[in-house]
Amino acid sequence: MKSLERDAAWDYALHLLSYHSFTRQEMEKRLQRKGYSEELAQSVVQRLEELGLLDDREYARRWIERHKEGRPAGRRLLAWQLRQKGVEENIVATQLAEDLSREEERELALALARKQLNSLGGLEKRKLWSRLAGFLQRRGFEWELVEEVLRTLLGEEAT
């Protein structure tokens, strides 16, 4: 590898990181799209990881925290999003277990359902159940949790 090309790839990676964080896979793809070889991209990414400038675990942790605070989502959606960004499954599973307890997820789902319920006023119970269930499932909450939340909000009727 030419030293100038390696320096240019390094500078480009640092420039990207100055705007926001990336996963390992995202950074490799960005470098390759810029025209750097796969070998050079991997080398730069490895060095970034060694220096602590690129860390998929930390990325996943921050992703989960942002979604707890800003746009709440369930485990299924968060896991899917992180896998789409190239975070390894074992990292996804570990970070979700550490950073989003079942009780926190339940509270997020309950808060979302309550908020959505306010905008659906006037519908019969069956329609409310159906709409809220679909809404929560699209936000990545598993059916068992959705059902529990809806029973809490709407009573024992399942339909």
Protein backbone atom coordinates (compact mmCIF):
# COMPACT_ATOMS: atom_id res chain seq x y z
CA MET A 1 0.00 0.00 0.00
CA LYS A 2 1.19 3.42 -0.80
CA SER A 3 1.76 5.66 2.17
CA LEU A 4 -0.09 8.58 0.55
CA GLU A 5 -3.14 6.43 -0.13
CA ARG A 6 -3.13 5.07 3.42
CA ASP A 7 -2.84 8.62 4.80
CA ALA A 8 -5.70 9.80 2.59
CA ALA A 9 -7.90 6.89 3.70
CA TRP A 10 -7.05 7.61 7.33
CA ASP A 11 -7.86 11.31 6.92
CA TYR A 12 -11.16 10.47 5.23
CA ALA A 13 -12.14 8.08 8.04
CA LEU A 14 -11.32 10.69 10.69
CA HIS A 15 -13.30 13.27 8.75
CA LEU A 16 -16.33 10.94 8.72
CA LEU A 17 -15.98 10.27 12.44
CA SER A 18 -15.95 13.98 13.14
CA TYR A 19 -19.60 14.10 12.06
CA HIS A 20 -20.99 10.99 13.74
CA SER A 21 -20.18 7.45 14.78
CA PHE A 22 -20.15 4.43 12.52
CA THR A 23 -20.08 0.69 12.88
CA ARG A 24 -17.13 -1.28 11.59
CA GLN A 25 -19.11 -2.41 8.55
CA GLU A 26 -20.40 1.07 7.76
CA MET A 27 -16.90 2.54 7.87
CA GLU A 28 -15.48 -0.20 5.65
CA LYS A 29 -18.24 0.39 3.11
CA ARG A 30 -17.73 4.14 3.18
CA LEU A 31 -14.01 3.78 2.56
CA GLN A 32 -14.58 1.32 -0.28
CA ARG A 33 -17.21 3.58 -1.88
CA LYS A 34 -14.62 6.35 -1.79
CA GLY A 35 -12.41 4.09 -3.90
CA TYR A 36 -10.09 2.53 -1.35
CA SER A 37 -9.37 -1.17 -1.59
CA GLU A 38 -11.00 -3.67 0.72
CA GLU A 39 -7.60 -4.44 2.24
CA LEU A 40 -6.87 -0.77 2.94
CA ALA A 41 -10.37 -0.18 4.33
CA GLN A 42 -10.00 -3.12 6.71
CA SER A 43 -6.57 -1.92 7.78
CA VAL A 44 -7.87 1.58 8.57
CA VAL A 45 -10.88 0.19 10.43
CA GLN A 46 -8.67 -2.12 12.47
CA ARG A 47 -6.45 0.80 13.47
CA LEU A 48 -9.50 2.90 14.39
CA GLU A 49 -10.71 0.07 16.62
CA GLU A 50 -7.29 -0.30 18.26
CA LEU A 51 -7.35 3.40 19.11
CA GLY A 52 -10.91 3.19 20.45
CA LEU A 53 -12.28 5.48 17.76
CA LEU A 54 -14.53 2.78 16.35
CA ASP A 55 -16.35 0.40 18.67
CA ASP A 56 -19.43 -1.61 17.69
CA ARG A 57 -20.31 -2.34 21.34
CA GLU A 58 -20.29 1.34 22.23
CA TYR A 59 -22.20 2.14 19.04
CA ALA A 60 -24.90 -0.38 19.98
CA ARG A 61 -25.06 0.92 23.55
CA ARG A 62 -25.56 4.51 22.36
CA TRP A 63 -28.10 3.42 19.72
CA ILE A 64 -30.21 1.69 22.37
CA GLU A 65 -29.96 4.65 24.77
CA ARG A 66 -30.98 7.11 22.05
CA HIS A 67 -34.04 5.03 21.29
CA LYS A 68 -35.02 4.78 24.92
CA GLU A 69 -34.91 8.56 25.21
CA GLY A 70 -36.05 9.79 21.81
CA ARG A 71 -37.97 7.40 19.61
CA PRO A 72 -38.74 4.35 21.75
CA ALA A 73 -38.63 0.95 20.12
CA GLY A 74 -38.80 -2.64 21.23
CA ARG A 75 -36.01 -5.19 21.28
CA ARG A 76 -36.97 -6.75 17.95
CA LEU A 77 -36.75 -3.47 16.05
CA LEU A 78 -33.56 -2.36 17.79
CA ALA A 79 -31.90 -5.71 17.09
CA TRP A 80 -32.92 -5.55 13.44
CA GLN A 81 -31.65 -1.98 13.06
CA LEU A 82 -28.29 -2.80 14.62
CA ARG A 83 -27.86 -5.92 12.48
CA GLN A 84 -28.63 -3.82 9.39
CA LYS A 85 -25.77 -1.55 10.40
CA GLY A 86 -23.44 -4.53 10.58
CA VAL A 87 -23.24 -5.04 14.33
CA GLU A 88 -22.58 -8.70 15.10
CA GLU A 89 -25.45 -10.69 16.61
CA ASN A 90 -23.58 -11.50 19.82
CA ILE A 91 -22.89 -7.79 20.42
CA VAL A 92 -26.53 -6.93 19.70
CA ALA A 93 -27.80 -9.57 22.13
CA THR A 94 -25.34 -8.57 24.86
CA GLN A 95 -26.06 -4.85 24.61
CA LEU A 96 -29.82 -5.34 24.57
CA ALA A 97 -29.56 -7.54 27.67
CA GLU A 98 -27.38 -4.97 29.44
CA ASP A 99 -29.05 -1.75 28.31
CA LEU A 100 -32.76 -2.52 27.97
CA SER A 101 -34.32 -4.51 30.77
CA ARG A 102 -37.67 -6.18 30.26
CA GLU A 103 -39.20 -3.73 32.72
CA GLU A 104 -37.77 -0.74 30.82
CA GLU A 105 -39.10 -2.16 27.57
CA ARG A 106 -42.52 -2.66 29.18
CA GLU A 107 -42.54 0.95 30.44
CA LEU A 108 -41.58 2.23 26.97
CA ALA A 109 -44.37 0.21 25.35
CA LEU A 110 -46.87 1.37 27.95
CA ALA A 111 -45.94 5.03 27.48
CA LEU A 112 -46.17 4.72 23.70
CA ALA A 113 -49.52 2.96 23.90
CA ARG A 114 -50.91 5.61 26.27
CA LYS A 115 -49.79 8.38 23.96
CA GLN A 116 -51.26 6.64 20.93
CA LEU A 117 -54.47 5.89 22.83
CA ASN A 118 -55.02 9.63 23.33
CA SER A 119 -54.98 10.15 19.56
CA LEU A 120 -57.43 7.27 18.97
CA GLY A 121 -60.18 8.48 21.26
CA GLY A 122 -63.72 7.49 20.42
CA LEU A 123 -63.00 4.10 18.86
CA GLU A 124 -64.63 0.98 20.19
CA LYS A 125 -62.48 -1.27 22.35
CA ARG A 126 -61.95 -3.90 19.64
CA LYS A 127 -60.64 -1.33 17.15
CA LEU A 128 -58.48 0.32 19.81
CA TRP A 129 -56.96 -3.06 20.65
CA SER A 130 -56.26 -3.81 17.00
CA ARG A 131 -54.75 -0.42 16.19
CA LEU A 132 -52.61 -0.27 19.32
CA ALA A 133 -51.41 -3.83 18.83
CA GLY A 134 -50.34 -3.09 15.26
CA PHE A 135 -48.67 0.15 16.31
CA LEU A 136 -46.64 -1.49 19.07
CA GLN A 137 -45.65 -4.46 16.92
CA ARG A 138 -44.42 -2.12 14.17
CA ARG A 139 -42.29 -0.40 16.82
CA GLY A 140 -40.60 -3.73 17.53
CA PHE A 141 -42.35 -4.95 20.64
CA GLU A 142 -42.97 -8.68 20.89
CA TRP A 143 -46.55 -9.95 20.92
CA GLU A 144 -46.48 -11.16 24.53
CA LEU A 145 -45.46 -7.70 25.72
CA VAL A 146 -47.98 -6.00 23.44
CA GLU A 147 -50.75 -8.17 24.82
CA GLU A 148 -49.68 -7.46 28.41
CA VAL A 149 -49.63 -3.70 27.80
CA LEU A 150 -53.01 -3.71 26.09
CA ARG A 151 -54.56 -5.77 28.88
CA THR A 152 -53.22 -3.18 31.33
CA LEU A 153 -54.67 -0.27 29.34
CA LEU A 154 -57.87 -1.74 27.94
CA GLY A 155 -58.79 -4.52 30.29
CA GLU A 156 -58.77 -8.31 29.98
CA GLU A 157 -60.48 -8.62 26.61
CA ALA A 158 -58.09 -9.93 23.96
CA THR A 159 -60.10 -8.68 20.96
